């Protein structure tokens, strides 16, 4: 019998899953995930990515009905996004701040 329930937003579930994938990745590993139409990333997740700087992360996403891919290579310096006041970024914005490239798929 369920006494209480609370919906979990898809974005929150996606972030928790990705954090787990990054945290549990093998040393110098690679993680690839599909965020679908969720096309923003938070400082929280970027900080977790910086803590596993040996992991390469590739995020696939859809924006304005087009598919894209953004790769955060191992060794990425996350300081530009973690040291500013912004807390959420679109993938194109975070790529520009970190010197990365969003590729069309």
PDB file of N, CA and C in Angstrom:
ATOM      1  N   UNK A   1       0.844  -1.178   0.000  1.00  0.00           N
ATOM      2  CA  UNK A   1       0.000   0.000   0.000  1.00  0.00           C
ATOM      3  C   UNK A   1       0.894   1.249   0.000  1.00  0.00           C
ATOM      4  N   UNK A   2       0.604   2.165  -0.868  1.00  0.00           N
ATOM      5  CA  UNK A   2       1.352   3.422  -0.975  1.00  0.00           C
ATOM      6  C   UNK A   2       0.643   4.471  -0.136  1.00  0.00           C
ATOM      7  N   UNK A   3       1.371   5.056   0.808  1.00  0.00           N
ATOM      8  CA  UNK A   3       0.787   6.102   1.650  1.00  0.00           C
ATOM      9  C   UNK A   3       1.048   7.483   1.093  1.00  0.00           C
ATOM     10  N   UNK A   4       2.187   7.656   0.448  1.00  0.00           N
ATOM     11  CA  UNK A   4       2.536   8.938  -0.152  1.00  0.00           C
ATOM     12  C   UNK A   4       3.306   8.696  -1.440  1.00  0.00           C
ATOM     13  N   UNK A   5       3.194   9.629  -2.344  1.00  0.00           N
ATOM     14  CA  UNK A   5       4.007   9.570  -3.558  1.00  0.00           C
ATOM     15  C   UNK A   5       4.330  10.992  -3.978  1.00  0.00           C
ATOM     16  N   UNK A   6       5.417  11.117  -4.697  1.00  0.00           N
ATOM     17  CA  UNK A   6       5.825  12.428  -5.189  1.00  0.00           C
ATOM     18  C   UNK A   6       6.489  12.215  -6.535  1.00  0.00           C
ATOM     19  N   UNK A   7       6.012  12.916  -7.559  1.00  0.00           N
ATOM     20  CA  UNK A   7       6.644  12.755  -8.878  1.00  0.00           C
ATOM     21  C   UNK A   7       8.073  13.294  -8.867  1.00  0.00           C
ATOM     22  N   UNK A   8       8.935  12.642  -9.602  1.00  0.00           N
ATOM     23  CA  UNK A   8      10.313  13.090  -9.768  1.00  0.00           C
ATOM     24  C   UNK A   8      10.457  13.603 -11.193  1.00  0.00           C
ATOM     25  N   UNK A   9      10.838  14.867 -11.364  1.00  0.00           N
ATOM     26  CA  UNK A   9      11.002  15.398 -12.723  1.00  0.00           C
ATOM     27  C   UNK A   9      12.025  14.592 -13.512  1.00  0.00           C
ATOM     28  N   UNK A  10      11.764  14.425 -14.793  1.00  0.00           N
ATOM     29  CA  UNK A  10      12.665  13.642 -15.648  1.00  0.00           C
ATOM     30  C   UNK A  10      14.076  14.209 -15.629  1.00  0.00           C
ATOM     31  N   UNK A  11      14.202  15.532 -15.597  1.00  0.00           N
ATOM     32  CA  UNK A  11      15.525  16.150 -15.570  1.00  0.00           C
ATOM     33  C   UNK A  11      16.313  15.749 -14.333  1.00  0.00           C
ATOM     34  N   UNK A  12      15.634  15.653 -13.202  1.00  0.00           N
ATOM     35  CA  UNK A  12      16.302  15.261 -11.963  1.00  0.00           C
ATOM     36  C   UNK A  12      16.766  13.813 -12.033  1.00  0.00           C
ATOM     37  N   UNK A  13      15.912  12.956 -12.562  1.00  0.00           N
ATOM     38  CA  UNK A  13      16.287  11.545 -12.703  1.00  0.00           C
ATOM     39  C   UNK A  13      17.463  11.396 -13.657  1.00  0.00           C
ATOM     40  N   UNK A  14      17.459  12.138 -14.739  1.00  0.00           N
ATOM     41  CA  UNK A  14      18.546  12.083 -15.717  1.00  0.00           C
ATOM     42  C   UNK A  14      19.861  12.516 -15.085  1.00  0.00           C
ATOM     43  N   UNK A  15      19.843  13.601 -14.324  1.00  0.00           N
ATOM     44  CA  UNK A  15      21.053  14.102 -13.676  1.00  0.00           C
ATOM     45  C   UNK A  15      21.565  13.084 -12.670  1.00  0.00           C
ATOM     46  N   UNK A  16      20.669  12.503 -11.872  1.00  0.00           N
ATOM     47  CA  UNK A  16      21.107  11.506 -10.891  1.00  0.00           C
ATOM     48  C   UNK A  16      21.721  10.295 -11.584  1.00  0.00           C
ATOM     49  N   UNK A  17      21.120   9.850 -12.686  1.00  0.00           N
ATOM     50  CA  UNK A  17      21.682   8.721 -13.431  1.00  0.00           C
ATOM     51  C   UNK A  17      23.063   9.070 -13.975  1.00  0.00           C
ATOM     52  N   UNK A  18      23.193  10.246 -14.583  1.00  0.00           N
ATOM     53  CA  UNK A  18      24.477  10.627 -15.163  1.00  0.00           C
ATOM     54  C   UNK A  18      25.539  10.773 -14.082  1.00  0.00           C
ATOM     55  N   UNK A  19      25.174  11.356 -12.957  1.00  0.00           N
ATOM     56  CA  UNK A  19      26.144  11.472 -11.863  1.00  0.00           C
ATOM     57  C   UNK A  19      26.633  10.084 -11.466  1.00  0.00           C
ATOM     58  N   UNK A  20      25.731   9.120 -11.379  1.00  0.00           N
ATOM     59  CA  UNK A  20      26.126   7.747 -11.048  1.00  0.00           C
ATOM     60  C   UNK A  20      27.040   7.156 -12.095  1.00  0.00           C
ATOM     61  N   UNK A  21      26.745   7.384 -13.357  1.00  0.00           N
ATOM     62  CA  UNK A  21      27.590   6.858 -14.439  1.00  0.00           C
ATOM     63  C   UNK A  21      28.998   7.438 -14.352  1.00  0.00           C
ATOM     64  N   UNK A  22      29.088   8.740 -14.064  1.00  0.00           N
ATOM     65  CA  UNK A  22      30.393   9.394 -13.975  1.00  0.00           C
ATOM     66  C   UNK A  22      31.145   8.883 -12.750  1.00  0.00           C
ATOM     67  N   UNK A  23      30.461   8.862 -11.613  1.00  0.00           N
ATOM     68  CA  UNK A  23      31.084   8.436 -10.357  1.00  0.00           C
ATOM     69  C   UNK A  23      31.594   7.005 -10.457  1.00  0.00           C
ATOM     70  N   UNK A  24      30.836   6.139 -11.114  1.00  0.00           N
ATOM     71  CA  UNK A  24      31.181   4.718 -11.186  1.00  0.00           C
ATOM     72  C   UNK A  24      32.006   4.341 -12.412  1.00  0.00           C
ATOM     73  N   UNK A  25      32.361   5.311 -13.240  1.00  0.00           N
ATOM     74  CA  UNK A  25      33.138   5.006 -14.455  1.00  0.00           C
ATOM     75  C   UNK A  25      34.518   4.480 -14.065  1.00  0.00           C
ATOM     76  N   UNK A  26      35.060   3.577 -14.873  1.00  0.00           N
ATOM     77  CA  UNK A  26      36.410   3.102 -14.585  1.00  0.00           C
ATOM     78  C   UNK A  26      37.419   4.243 -14.751  1.00  0.00           C
ATOM     79  N   UNK A  27      38.575   4.104 -14.132  1.00  0.00           N
ATOM     80  CA  UNK A  27      39.617   5.108 -14.261  1.00  0.00           C
ATOM     81  C   UNK A  27      39.923   5.333 -15.744  1.00  0.00           C
ATOM     82  N   UNK A  28      40.006   6.608 -16.143  1.00  0.00           N
ATOM     83  CA  UNK A  28      40.247   7.002 -17.535  1.00  0.00           C
ATOM     84  C   UNK A  28      39.167   6.465 -18.473  1.00  0.00           C
ATOM     85  N   UNK A  29      37.959   6.297 -17.950  1.00  0.00           N
ATOM     86  CA  UNK A  29      36.860   5.739 -18.722  1.00  0.00           C
ATOM     87  C   UNK A  29      36.143   6.764 -19.567  1.00  0.00           C
ATOM     88  N   UNK A  30      35.141   6.273 -20.274  1.00  0.00           N
ATOM     89  CA  UNK A  30      34.302   7.097 -21.141  1.00  0.00           C
ATOM     90  C   UNK A  30      32.846   6.832 -20.809  1.00  0.00           C
ATOM     91  N   UNK A  31      32.053   7.893 -20.715  1.00  0.00           N
ATOM     92  CA  UNK A  31      30.627   7.795 -20.465  1.00  0.00           C
ATOM     93  C   UNK A  31      29.913   8.508 -21.603  1.00  0.00           C
ATOM     94  N   UNK A  32      28.919   7.857 -22.176  1.00  0.00           N
ATOM     95  CA  UNK A  32      28.086   8.472 -23.208  1.00  0.00           C
ATOM     96  C   UNK A  32      26.645   8.391 -22.740  1.00  0.00           C
ATOM     97  N   UNK A  33      25.934   9.503 -22.843  1.00  0.00           N
ATOM     98  CA  UNK A  33      24.542   9.527 -22.419  1.00  0.00           C
ATOM     99  C   UNK A  33      23.724  10.360 -23.386  1.00  0.00           C
ATOM    100  N   UNK A  34      22.439  10.098 -23.418  1.00  0.00           N
ATOM    101  CA  UNK A  34      21.514  10.837 -24.276  1.00  0.00           C
ATOM    102  C   UNK A  34      20.560  11.603 -23.381  1.00  0.00           C
ATOM    103  N   UNK A  35      20.634  12.932 -23.421  1.00  0.00           N
ATOM    104  CA  UNK A  35      19.750  13.764 -22.614  1.00  0.00           C
ATOM    105  C   UNK A  35      18.463  14.109 -23.350  1.00  0.00           C
ATOM    106  N   UNK A  36      18.306  13.624 -24.575  1.00  0.00           N
ATOM    107  CA  UNK A  36      17.074  13.902 -25.308  1.00  0.00           C
ATOM    108  C   UNK A  36      16.874  15.398 -25.478  1.00  0.00           C
ATOM    109  N   UNK A  37      15.684  15.869 -25.121  1.00  0.00           N
ATOM    110  CA  UNK A  37      15.363  17.292 -25.291  1.00  0.00           C
ATOM    111  C   UNK A  37      15.764  18.134 -24.082  1.00  0.00           C
ATOM    112  N   UNK A  38      16.373  17.515 -23.096  1.00  0.00           N
ATOM    113  CA  UNK A  38      16.907  18.267 -21.960  1.00  0.00           C
ATOM    114  C   UNK A  38      18.244  18.858 -22.418  1.00  0.00           C
ATOM    115  N   UNK A  39      18.283  20.157 -22.647  1.00  0.00           N
ATOM    116  CA  UNK A  39      19.479  20.754 -23.237  1.00  0.00           C
ATOM    117  C   UNK A  39      20.121  21.803 -22.339  1.00  0.00           C
ATOM    118  N   UNK A  40      20.076  21.552 -21.019  1.00  0.00           N
ATOM    119  CA  UNK A  40      20.797  22.400 -20.078  1.00  0.00           C
ATOM    120  C   UNK A  40      21.585  21.518 -19.116  1.00  0.00           C
ATOM    121  N   UNK A  41      22.603  22.099 -18.525  1.00  0.00           N
ATOM    122  CA  UNK A  41      23.440  21.387 -17.563  1.00  0.00           C
ATOM    123  C   UNK A  41      23.723  22.341 -16.400  1.00  0.00           C
ATOM    124  N   UNK A  42      23.740  21.803 -15.196  1.00  0.00           N
ATOM    125  CA  UNK A  42      23.883  22.632 -13.993  1.00  0.00           C
ATOM    126  C   UNK A  42      25.311  22.634 -13.464  1.00  0.00           C
ATOM    127  N   UNK A  43      25.601  23.644 -12.641  1.00  0.00           N
ATOM    128  CA  UNK A  43      26.883  23.703 -11.945  1.00  0.00           C
ATOM    129  C   UNK A  43      27.096  22.451 -11.097  1.00  0.00           C
ATOM    130  N   UNK A  44      26.029  21.932 -10.514  1.00  0.00           N
ATOM    131  CA  UNK A  44      26.146  20.730  -9.687  1.00  0.00           C
ATOM    132  C   UNK A  44      26.772  19.591 -10.492  1.00  0.00           C
ATOM    133  N   UNK A  45      26.218  19.347 -11.672  1.00  0.00           N
ATOM    134  CA  UNK A  45      26.731  18.255 -12.499  1.00  0.00           C
ATOM    135  C   UNK A  45      28.129  18.570 -13.031  1.00  0.00           C
ATOM    136  N   UNK A  46      28.373  19.805 -13.410  1.00  0.00           N
ATOM    137  CA  UNK A  46      29.707  20.193 -13.882  1.00  0.00           C
ATOM    138  C   UNK A  46      30.746  20.009 -12.778  1.00  0.00           C
ATOM    139  N   UNK A  47      30.368  20.315 -11.537  1.00  0.00           N
ATOM    140  CA  UNK A  47      31.294  20.108 -10.412  1.00  0.00           C
ATOM    141  C   UNK A  47      31.590  18.616 -10.243  1.00  0.00           C
ATOM    142  N   UNK A  48      30.562  17.781 -10.342  1.00  0.00           N
ATOM    143  CA  UNK A  48      30.769  16.336 -10.219  1.00  0.00           C
ATOM    144  C   UNK A  48      31.652  15.829 -11.356  1.00  0.00           C
ATOM    145  N   UNK A  49      31.480  16.387 -12.555  1.00  0.00           N
ATOM    146  CA  UNK A  49      32.319  16.009 -13.684  1.00  0.00           C
ATOM    147  C   UNK A  49      33.769  16.417 -13.418  1.00  0.00           C
ATOM    148  N   UNK A  50      33.964  17.588 -12.814  1.00  0.00           N
ATOM    149  CA  UNK A  50      35.329  18.053 -12.538  1.00  0.00           C
ATOM    150  C   UNK A  50      36.017  17.173 -11.499  1.00  0.00           C
ATOM    151  N   UNK A  51      35.244  16.572 -10.604  1.00  0.00           N
ATOM    152  CA  UNK A  51      35.813  15.683  -9.584  1.00  0.00           C
ATOM    153  C   UNK A  51      36.311  14.372 -10.191  1.00  0.00           C
ATOM    154  N   UNK A  52      35.781  14.010 -11.352  1.00  0.00           N
ATOM    155  CA  UNK A  52      36.243  12.826 -12.083  1.00  0.00           C
ATOM    156  C   UNK A  52      36.842  13.288 -13.400  1.00  0.00           C
ATOM    157  N   UNK A  53      37.861  14.114 -13.300  1.00  0.00           N
ATOM    158  CA  UNK A  53      38.480  14.739 -14.463  1.00  0.00           C
ATOM    159  C   UNK A  53      39.190  13.745 -15.375  1.00  0.00           C
ATOM    160  N   UNK A  54      39.279  12.475 -14.959  1.00  0.00           N
ATOM    161  CA  UNK A  54      39.884  11.451 -15.805  1.00  0.00           C
ATOM    162  C   UNK A  54      38.876  10.837 -16.769  1.00  0.00           C
ATOM    163  N   UNK A  55      37.600  11.158 -16.593  1.00  0.00           N
ATOM    164  CA  UNK A  55      36.530  10.561 -17.400  1.00  0.00           C
ATOM    165  C   UNK A  55      36.164  11.484 -18.559  1.00  0.00           C
ATOM    166  N   UNK A  56      36.016  10.915 -19.748  1.00  0.00           N
ATOM    167  CA  UNK A  56      35.508  11.637 -20.910  1.00  0.00           C
ATOM    168  C   UNK A  56      34.000  11.435 -20.956  1.00  0.00           C
ATOM    169  N   UNK A  57      33.250  12.514 -21.068  1.00  0.00           N
ATOM    170  CA  UNK A  57      31.796  12.444 -21.107  1.00  0.00           C
ATOM    171  C   UNK A  57      31.292  12.974 -22.439  1.00  0.00           C
ATOM    172  N   UNK A  58      30.481  12.184 -23.117  1.00  0.00           N
ATOM    173  CA  UNK A  58      29.822  12.627 -24.346  1.00  0.00           C
ATOM    174  C   UNK A  58      28.324  12.693 -24.084  1.00  0.00           C
ATOM    175  N   UNK A  59      27.737  13.862 -24.338  1.00  0.00           N
ATOM    176  CA  UNK A  59      26.309  14.081 -24.144  1.00  0.00           C
ATOM    177  C   UNK A  59      25.668  14.275 -25.505  1.00  0.00           C
ATOM    178  N   UNK A  60      24.690  13.448 -25.804  1.00  0.00           N
ATOM    179  CA  UNK A  60      23.874  13.622 -27.006  1.00  0.00           C
ATOM    180  C   UNK A  60      22.597  14.326 -26.574  1.00  0.00           C
ATOM    181  N   UNK A  61      22.125  15.270 -27.383  1.00  0.00           N
ATOM    182  CA  UNK A  61      20.901  15.988 -27.038  1.00  0.00           C
ATOM    183  C   UNK A  61      20.232  16.500 -28.305  1.00  0.00           C
ATOM    184  N   UNK A  62      18.976  16.905 -28.147  1.00  0.00           N
ATOM    185  CA  UNK A  62      18.200  17.445 -29.264  1.00  0.00           C
ATOM    186  C   UNK A  62      17.834  18.883 -28.931  1.00  0.00           C
ATOM    187  N   UNK A  63      18.026  19.763 -29.901  1.00  0.00           N
ATOM    188  CA  UNK A  63      17.680  21.173 -29.729  1.00  0.00           C
ATOM    189  C   UNK A  63      17.064  21.676 -31.021  1.00  0.00           C
ATOM    190  N   UNK A  64      15.867  22.238 -30.933  1.00  0.00           N
ATOM    191  CA  UNK A  64      15.119  22.739 -32.082  1.00  0.00           C
ATOM    192  C   UNK A  64      15.063  21.689 -33.200  1.00  0.00           C
ATOM    193  N   UNK A  65      14.680  20.485 -32.823  1.00  0.00           N
ATOM    194  CA  UNK A  65      14.477  19.351 -33.737  1.00  0.00           C
ATOM    195  C   UNK A  65      15.734  18.898 -34.473  1.00  0.00           C
ATOM    196  N   UNK A  66      16.896  19.267 -33.969  1.00  0.00           N
ATOM    197  CA  UNK A  66      18.157  18.785 -34.541  1.00  0.00           C
ATOM    198  C   UNK A  66      18.932  18.068 -33.437  1.00  0.00           C
ATOM    199  N   UNK A  67      19.716  17.066 -33.827  1.00  0.00           N
ATOM    200  CA  UNK A  67      20.480  16.281 -32.859  1.00  0.00           C
ATOM    201  C   UNK A  67      21.940  16.750 -32.835  1.00  0.00           C
ATOM    202  N   UNK A  68      22.471  16.822 -31.615  1.00  0.00           N
ATOM    203  CA  UNK A  68      23.828  17.313 -31.402  1.00  0.00           C
ATOM    204  C   UNK A  68      24.580  16.409 -30.435  1.00  0.00           C
ATOM    205  N   UNK A  69      25.883  16.623 -30.395  1.00  0.00           N
ATOM    206  CA  UNK A  69      26.750  15.886 -29.488  1.00  0.00           C
ATOM    207  C   UNK A  69      27.793  16.849 -28.935  1.00  0.00           C
ATOM    208  N   UNK A  70      28.011  16.770 -27.624  1.00  0.00           N
ATOM    209  CA  UNK A  70      29.029  17.579 -26.958  1.00  0.00           C
ATOM    210  C   UNK A  70      29.901  16.647 -26.132  1.00  0.00           C
ATOM    211  N   UNK A  71      31.190  16.682 -26.366  1.00  0.00           N
ATOM    212  CA  UNK A  71      32.124  15.843 -25.617  1.00  0.00           C
ATOM    213  C   UNK A  71      32.960  16.707 -24.684  1.00  0.00           C
ATOM    214  N   UNK A  72      32.960  16.304 -23.419  1.00  0.00           N
ATOM    215  CA  UNK A  72      33.813  16.906 -22.394  1.00  0.00           C
ATOM    216  C   UNK A  72      34.989  15.952 -22.231  1.00  0.00           C
ATOM    217  N   UNK A  73      36.126  16.234 -22.856  1.00  0.00           N
ATOM    218  CA  UNK A  73      37.259  15.303 -22.781  1.00  0.00           C
ATOM    219  C   UNK A  73      37.843  15.236 -21.373  1.00  0.00           C
ATOM    220  N   UNK A  74      38.474  14.118 -21.077  1.00  0.00           N
ATOM    221  CA  UNK A  74      39.220  14.003 -19.822  1.00  0.00           C
ATOM    222  C   UNK A  74      40.217  15.155 -19.772  1.00  0.00           C
ATOM    223  N   UNK A  75      40.401  15.718 -18.594  1.00  0.00           N
ATOM    224  CA  UNK A  75      41.332  16.826 -18.449  1.00  0.00           C
ATOM    225  C   UNK A  75      40.709  18.198 -18.677  1.00  0.00           C
ATOM    226  N   UNK A  76      39.402  18.259 -18.977  1.00  0.00           N
ATOM    227  CA  UNK A  76      38.749  19.547 -19.190  1.00  0.00           C
ATOM    228  C   UNK A  76      38.868  20.404 -17.935  1.00  0.00           C
ATOM    229  N   UNK A  77      39.203  21.674 -18.116  1.00  0.00           N
ATOM    230  CA  UNK A  77      39.271  22.625 -17.008  1.00  0.00           C
ATOM    231  C   UNK A  77      37.891  23.269 -16.855  1.00  0.00           C
ATOM    232  N   UNK A  78      37.198  22.951 -15.775  1.00  0.00           N
ATOM    233  CA  UNK A  78      35.843  23.445 -15.538  1.00  0.00           C
ATOM    234  C   UNK A  78      35.822  24.780 -14.793  1.00  0.00           C
ATOM    235  N   UNK A  79      36.980  25.334 -14.478  1.00  0.00           N
ATOM    236  CA  UNK A  79      37.065  26.564 -13.702  1.00  0.00           C
ATOM    237  C   UNK A  79      36.224  27.699 -14.283  1.00  0.00           C
ATOM    238  N   UNK A  80      36.221  27.941 -15.607  1.00  0.00           N
ATOM    239  CA  UNK A  80      35.438  29.069 -16.124  1.00  0.00           C
ATOM    240  C   UNK A  80      33.945  29.005 -15.792  1.00  0.00           C
ATOM    241  N   UNK A  81      33.376  27.816 -15.678  1.00  0.00           N
ATOM    242  CA  UNK A  81      31.947  27.722 -15.366  1.00  0.00           C
ATOM    243  C   UNK A  81      31.682  27.565 -13.875  1.00  0.00           C
ATOM    244  N   UNK A  82      32.657  27.089 -13.137  1.00  0.00           N
ATOM    245  CA  UNK A  82      32.460  26.912 -11.703  1.00  0.00           C
ATOM    246  C   UNK A  82      32.802  28.167 -10.907  1.00  0.00           C
ATOM    247  N   UNK A  83      33.548  29.073 -11.511  1.00  0.00           N
ATOM    248  CA  UNK A  83      33.977  30.288 -10.809  1.00  0.00           C
ATOM    249  C   UNK A  83      33.091  31.493 -11.118  1.00  0.00           C
ATOM    250  N   UNK A  84      32.095  31.347 -11.979  1.00  0.00           N
ATOM    251  CA  UNK A  84      31.227  32.478 -12.301  1.00  0.00           C
ATOM    252  C   UNK A  84      29.937  32.402 -11.469  1.00  0.00           C
ATOM    253  N   UNK A  85      29.023  33.331 -11.722  1.00  0.00           N
ATOM    254  CA  UNK A  85      27.781  33.378 -10.948  1.00  0.00           C
ATOM    255  C   UNK A  85      26.668  32.536 -11.553  1.00  0.00           C
ATOM    256  N   UNK A  86      26.769  32.153 -12.817  1.00  0.00           N
ATOM    257  CA  UNK A  86      25.719  31.359 -13.456  1.00  0.00           C
ATOM    258  C   UNK A  86      25.670  29.969 -12.828  1.00  0.00           C
ATOM    259  N   UNK A  87      24.472  29.383 -12.786  1.00  0.00           N
ATOM    260  CA  UNK A  87      24.324  28.037 -12.225  1.00  0.00           C
ATOM    261  C   UNK A  87      23.760  27.037 -13.219  1.00  0.00           C
ATOM    262  N   UNK A  88      23.249  27.517 -14.339  1.00  0.00           N
ATOM    263  CA  UNK A  88      22.715  26.648 -15.397  1.00  0.00           C
ATOM    264  C   UNK A  88      23.240  27.147 -16.736  1.00  0.00           C
ATOM    265  N   UNK A  89      23.502  26.196 -17.630  1.00  0.00           N
ATOM    266  CA  UNK A  89      24.027  26.532 -18.951  1.00  0.00           C
ATOM    267  C   UNK A  89      23.316  25.703 -20.003  1.00  0.00           C
ATOM    268  N   UNK A  90      23.105  26.302 -21.165  1.00  0.00           N
ATOM    269  CA  UNK A  90      22.753  25.522 -22.326  1.00  0.00           C
ATOM    270  C   UNK A  90      24.035  24.871 -22.827  1.00  0.00           C
ATOM    271  N   UNK A  91      23.908  23.809 -23.582  1.00  0.00           N
ATOM    272  CA  UNK A  91      25.116  23.114 -24.048  1.00  0.00           C
ATOM    273  C   UNK A  91      25.970  23.984 -24.955  1.00  0.00           C
ATOM    274  N   UNK A  92      25.353  24.827 -25.758  1.00  0.00           N
ATOM    275  CA  UNK A  92      26.134  25.696 -26.623  1.00  0.00           C
ATOM    276  C   UNK A  92      26.901  26.722 -25.791  1.00  0.00           C
ATOM    277  N   UNK A  93      26.276  27.234 -24.730  1.00  0.00           N
ATOM    278  CA  UNK A  93      26.927  28.211 -23.862  1.00  0.00           C
ATOM    279  C   UNK A  93      28.074  27.613 -23.069  1.00  0.00           C
ATOM    280  N   UNK A  94      27.863  26.426 -22.491  1.00  0.00           N
ATOM    281  CA  UNK A  94      28.919  25.789 -21.714  1.00  0.00           C
ATOM    282  C   UNK A  94      30.080  25.406 -22.628  1.00  0.00           C
ATOM    283  N   UNK A  95      29.765  24.973 -23.841  1.00  0.00           N
ATOM    284  CA  UNK A  95      30.831  24.624 -24.799  1.00  0.00           C
ATOM    285  C   UNK A  95      31.675  25.856 -25.104  1.00  0.00           C
ATOM    286  N   UNK A  96      31.038  26.989 -25.325  1.00  0.00           N
ATOM    287  CA  UNK A  96      31.779  28.211 -25.634  1.00  0.00           C
ATOM    288  C   UNK A  96      32.664  28.621 -24.457  1.00  0.00           C
ATOM    289  N   UNK A  97      32.141  28.537 -23.229  1.00  0.00           N
ATOM    290  CA  UNK A  97      32.922  28.941 -22.055  1.00  0.00           C
ATOM    291  C   UNK A  97      34.116  28.003 -21.817  1.00  0.00           C
ATOM    292  N   UNK A  98      33.972  26.730 -22.190  1.00  0.00           N
ATOM    293  CA  UNK A  98      35.042  25.763 -21.937  1.00  0.00           C
ATOM    294  C   UNK A  98      35.912  25.505 -23.156  1.00  0.00           C
ATOM    295  N   UNK A  99      35.637  26.190 -24.273  1.00  0.00           N
ATOM    296  CA  UNK A  99      36.442  25.991 -25.471  1.00  0.00           C
ATOM    297  C   UNK A  99      36.180  24.673 -26.159  1.00  0.00           C
ATOM    298  N   UNK A 100      34.954  24.150 -26.010  1.00  0.00           N
ATOM    299  CA  UNK A 100      34.573  22.880 -26.633  1.00  0.00           C
ATOM    300  C   UNK A 100      33.695  23.137 -27.839  1.00  0.00           C
ATOM    301  N   UNK A 101      33.422  22.107 -28.609  1.00  0.00           N
ATOM    302  CA  UNK A 101      32.613  22.246 -29.825  1.00  0.00           C
ATOM    303  C   UNK A 101      31.400  21.325 -29.747  1.00  0.00           C
ATOM    304  N   UNK A 102      30.235  21.887 -30.065  1.00  0.00           N
ATOM    305  CA  UNK A 102      29.023  21.090 -30.213  1.00  0.00           C
ATOM    306  C   UNK A 102      28.954  20.654 -31.668  1.00  0.00           C
ATOM    307  N   UNK A 103      28.827  19.346 -31.889  1.00  0.00           N
ATOM    308  CA  UNK A 103      28.797  18.817 -33.248  1.00  0.00           C
ATOM    309  C   UNK A 103      27.384  18.368 -33.613  1.00  0.00           C
ATOM    310  N   UNK A 104      26.961  18.684 -34.826  1.00  0.00           N
ATOM    311  CA  UNK A 104      25.678  18.185 -35.330  1.00  0.00           C
ATOM    312  C   UNK A 104      25.810  16.710 -35.619  1.00  0.00           C
ATOM    313  N   UNK A 105      24.751  15.970 -35.389  1.00  0.00           N
ATOM    314  CA  UNK A 105      24.778  14.520 -35.638  1.00  0.00           C
ATOM    315  C   UNK A 105      23.900  14.177 -36.823  1.00  0.00           C
TER     316      UNK A 105
END
